[in-house]
Amino acid sequence: METMLQWNTLNEIGQLDLLVDESYQIPVVIFKHSTRCSISSAALGRMQRGWTDQHMKAKAYYLDLIAHRDVSNRIALLFDVEHQSPQVIVVRNSKAVYDASHSMILPDDLVPHLK
């Protein structure tokens, strides 16, 4: 089955201003992925397999944090969340309203924060 999840690539600090602006109109989901980590790969798979119609209210961003650690560091500061890898963050109205890491990344847990 093909995933409904369409990632937007996040690879520049300058994109964060746009992401914050978008968060006033639509919930934004940031997935921080370590391409060197099997736990991160498993979390990415859960996100892709678990993305449903209920998640379509959000815009999803994918960050390769190995290649773009500067962006990951800025996210931690901007949204006042501790850096984790892997990590999912939901942003609404410029604020992180939910974050989870490692095996706690479960797509169904995002749904209440996307309304």
C-alpha atoms as a PDB file:
ATOM      1  CA  MET A   1       0.000   0.000   0.000  1.00  0.00           C
ATOM      2  CA  GLU A   2       1.327   3.426  -0.945  1.00  0.00           C
ATOM      3  CA  THR A   3       1.670   5.937   1.868  1.00  0.00           C
ATOM      4  CA  MET A   4      -0.505   9.036   1.963  1.00  0.00           C
ATOM      5  CA  LEU A   5       2.372  10.913   3.541  1.00  0.00           C
ATOM      6  CA  GLN A   6       4.049  13.442   1.274  1.00  0.00           C
ATOM      7  CA  TRP A   7       7.206  14.821   2.854  1.00  0.00           C
ATOM      8  CA  ASN A   8       8.417  18.370   2.356  1.00  0.00           C
ATOM      9  CA  THR A   9      12.185  18.496   2.663  1.00  0.00           C
ATOM     10  CA  LEU A  10      13.551  20.724   5.408  1.00  0.00           C
ATOM     11  CA  ASN A  11      17.207  21.479   4.778  1.00  0.00           C
ATOM     12  CA  GLU A  12      17.794  25.201   5.417  1.00  0.00           C
ATOM     13  CA  ILE A  13      17.447  27.348   8.522  1.00  0.00           C
ATOM     14  CA  GLY A  14      15.666  29.962   6.403  1.00  0.00           C
ATOM     15  CA  GLN A  15      12.779  27.552   5.830  1.00  0.00           C
ATOM     16  CA  LEU A  16      11.900  27.704   9.511  1.00  0.00           C
ATOM     17  CA  ASP A  17      10.395  31.189   9.144  1.00  0.00           C
ATOM     18  CA  LEU A  18       8.025  29.857   6.472  1.00  0.00           C
ATOM     19  CA  LEU A  19       7.245  26.817   8.598  1.00  0.00           C
ATOM     20  CA  VAL A  20       6.358  29.056  11.567  1.00  0.00           C
ATOM     21  CA  ASP A  21       4.112  31.193   9.330  1.00  0.00           C
ATOM     22  CA  GLU A  22       2.416  28.042   8.000  1.00  0.00           C
ATOM     23  CA  SER A  23       1.774  26.825  11.536  1.00  0.00           C
ATOM     24  CA  TYR A  24      -0.813  29.593  11.995  1.00  0.00           C
ATOM     25  CA  GLN A  25      -2.847  28.166   9.097  1.00  0.00           C
ATOM     26  CA  ILE A  26      -2.216  24.434   9.355  1.00  0.00           C
ATOM     27  CA  PRO A  27      -0.520  22.161  11.885  1.00  0.00           C
ATOM     28  CA  VAL A  28       3.071  21.385  10.913  1.00  0.00           C
ATOM     29  CA  VAL A  29       4.766  18.068  11.648  1.00  0.00           C
ATOM     30  CA  ILE A  30       8.572  17.932  11.685  1.00  0.00           C
ATOM     31  CA  PHE A  31      10.234  14.519  11.566  1.00  0.00           C
ATOM     32  CA  LYS A  32      13.929  14.607  12.452  1.00  0.00           C
ATOM     33  CA  HIS A  33      15.607  11.515  11.024  1.00  0.00           C
ATOM     34  CA  SER A  34      19.074  10.108  11.585  1.00  0.00           C
ATOM     35  CA  THR A  35      20.022   8.245   8.422  1.00  0.00           C
ATOM     36  CA  ARG A  36      22.603   6.260  10.440  1.00  0.00           C
ATOM     37  CA  CYS A  37      20.202   4.841  13.022  1.00  0.00           C
ATOM     38  CA  SER A  38      18.010   1.752  12.770  1.00  0.00           C
ATOM     39  CA  ILE A  39      15.669   3.081  15.485  1.00  0.00           C
ATOM     40  CA  SER A  40      15.160   6.210  13.401  1.00  0.00           C
ATOM     41  CA  SER A  41      14.489   4.106  10.290  1.00  0.00           C
ATOM     42  CA  ALA A  42      11.866   2.126  12.220  1.00  0.00           C
ATOM     43  CA  ALA A  43      10.198   5.358  13.403  1.00  0.00           C
ATOM     44  CA  LEU A  44      10.198   6.704   9.849  1.00  0.00           C
ATOM     45  CA  GLY A  45       8.521   3.506   8.672  1.00  0.00           C
ATOM     46  CA  ARG A  46       5.850   3.810  11.388  1.00  0.00           C
ATOM     47  CA  MET A  47       5.160   7.386  10.330  1.00  0.00           C
ATOM     48  CA  GLN A  48       4.818   6.453   6.676  1.00  0.00           C
ATOM     49  CA  ARG A  49       2.667   3.367   7.286  1.00  0.00           C
ATOM     50  CA  GLY A  50       0.509   5.055   9.927  1.00  0.00           C
ATOM     51  CA  TRP A  51      -0.266   8.303   8.089  1.00  0.00           C
ATOM     52  CA  THR A  52      -4.032   8.394   7.457  1.00  0.00           C
ATOM     53  CA  ASP A  53      -6.766  10.795   6.400  1.00  0.00           C
ATOM     54  CA  GLN A  54      -6.733  12.151   9.960  1.00  0.00           C
ATOM     55  CA  HIS A  55      -3.152  13.313   9.442  1.00  0.00           C
ATOM     56  CA  MET A  56      -3.893  15.097   6.174  1.00  0.00           C
ATOM     57  CA  LYS A  57      -4.789  18.222   8.171  1.00  0.00           C
ATOM     58  CA  ALA A  58      -1.051  18.735   8.677  1.00  0.00           C
ATOM     59  CA  LYS A  59       1.926  19.603   6.519  1.00  0.00           C
ATOM     60  CA  ALA A  60       4.805  17.187   7.086  1.00  0.00           C
ATOM     61  CA  TYR A  61       8.480  18.132   6.944  1.00  0.00           C
ATOM     62  CA  TYR A  62      11.393  15.684   6.836  1.00  0.00           C
ATOM     63  CA  LEU A  63      14.800  16.697   8.180  1.00  0.00           C
ATOM     64  CA  ASP A  64      17.936  14.629   7.619  1.00  0.00           C
ATOM     65  CA  LEU A  65      19.614  15.761  10.797  1.00  0.00           C
ATOM     66  CA  ILE A  66      22.959  14.171   9.928  1.00  0.00           C
ATOM     67  CA  ALA A  67      23.256  16.372   6.831  1.00  0.00           C
ATOM     68  CA  HIS A  68      21.591  19.410   8.424  1.00  0.00           C
ATOM     69  CA  ARG A  69      22.489  19.421  12.108  1.00  0.00           C
ATOM     70  CA  ASP A  70      22.410  23.235  12.108  1.00  0.00           C
ATOM     71  CA  VAL A  71      18.700  23.139  11.229  1.00  0.00           C
ATOM     72  CA  SER A  72      18.061  20.542  13.941  1.00  0.00           C
ATOM     73  CA  ASN A  73      19.840  22.690  16.525  1.00  0.00           C
ATOM     74  CA  ARG A  74      17.813  25.735  15.495  1.00  0.00           C
ATOM     75  CA  ILE A  75      14.570  23.748  15.809  1.00  0.00           C
ATOM     76  CA  ALA A  76      15.477  22.842  19.393  1.00  0.00           C
ATOM     77  CA  LEU A  77      16.023  26.509  20.253  1.00  0.00           C
ATOM     78  CA  LEU A  78      13.117  27.916  18.265  1.00  0.00           C
ATOM     79  CA  PHE A  79      10.512  25.510  19.641  1.00  0.00           C
ATOM     80  CA  ASP A  80      12.083  24.958  23.077  1.00  0.00           C
ATOM     81  CA  VAL A  81      12.339  21.194  22.722  1.00  0.00           C
ATOM     82  CA  GLU A  82      15.250  19.013  23.741  1.00  0.00           C
ATOM     83  CA  HIS A  83      17.092  17.639  20.700  1.00  0.00           C
ATOM     84  CA  GLN A  84      16.331  13.957  20.148  1.00  0.00           C
ATOM     85  CA  SER A  85      16.953  11.574  17.288  1.00  0.00           C
ATOM     86  CA  PRO A  86      14.632  10.441  15.881  1.00  0.00           C
ATOM     87  CA  GLN A  87      12.044  13.000  16.888  1.00  0.00           C
ATOM     88  CA  VAL A  88       8.638  14.193  15.776  1.00  0.00           C
ATOM     89  CA  ILE A  89       7.370  17.671  16.654  1.00  0.00           C
ATOM     90  CA  VAL A  90       3.927  19.155  16.019  1.00  0.00           C
ATOM     91  CA  VAL A  91       3.912  22.953  15.637  1.00  0.00           C
ATOM     92  CA  ARG A  92       0.756  25.062  15.855  1.00  0.00           C
ATOM     93  CA  ASN A  93       0.652  28.848  16.043  1.00  0.00           C
ATOM     94  CA  SER A  94       4.477  28.953  16.181  1.00  0.00           C
ATOM     95  CA  LYS A  95       4.661  26.703  19.278  1.00  0.00           C
ATOM     96  CA  ALA A  96       5.615  23.061  19.709  1.00  0.00           C
ATOM     97  CA  VAL A  97       2.416  21.478  21.032  1.00  0.00           C
ATOM     98  CA  TYR A  98       3.702  17.900  20.972  1.00  0.00           C
ATOM     99  CA  ASP A  99       6.966  16.057  20.614  1.00  0.00           C
ATOM    100  CA  ALA A 100       8.055  12.456  20.908  1.00  0.00           C
ATOM    101  CA  SER A 101      11.183  10.488  20.226  1.00  0.00           C
ATOM    102  CA  HIS A 102      12.436   6.977  19.573  1.00  0.00           C
ATOM    103  CA  SER A 103       9.841   4.228  20.110  1.00  0.00           C
ATOM    104  CA  MET A 104       7.311   6.788  21.366  1.00  0.00           C
ATOM    105  CA  ILE A 105       6.860   8.101  17.806  1.00  0.00           C
ATOM    106  CA  LEU A 106       3.394   6.776  17.018  1.00  0.00           C
ATOM    107  CA  PRO A 107       1.336   8.412  14.262  1.00  0.00           C
ATOM    108  CA  ASP A 108      -1.962   7.960  16.126  1.00  0.00           C
ATOM    109  CA  ASP A 109      -0.573  10.010  19.036  1.00  0.00           C
ATOM    110  CA  LEU A 110      -0.246  13.038  16.738  1.00  0.00           C
ATOM    111  CA  VAL A 111      -3.926  13.145  15.772  1.00  0.00           C
ATOM    112  CA  PRO A 112      -5.291  15.005  18.844  1.00  0.00           C
ATOM    113  CA  HIS A 113      -2.700  17.744  18.227  1.00  0.00           C
ATOM    114  CA  LEU A 114      -3.707  18.252  14.603  1.00  0.00           C
ATOM    115  CA  LYS A 115      -7.248  19.489  15.330  1.00  0.00           C
END
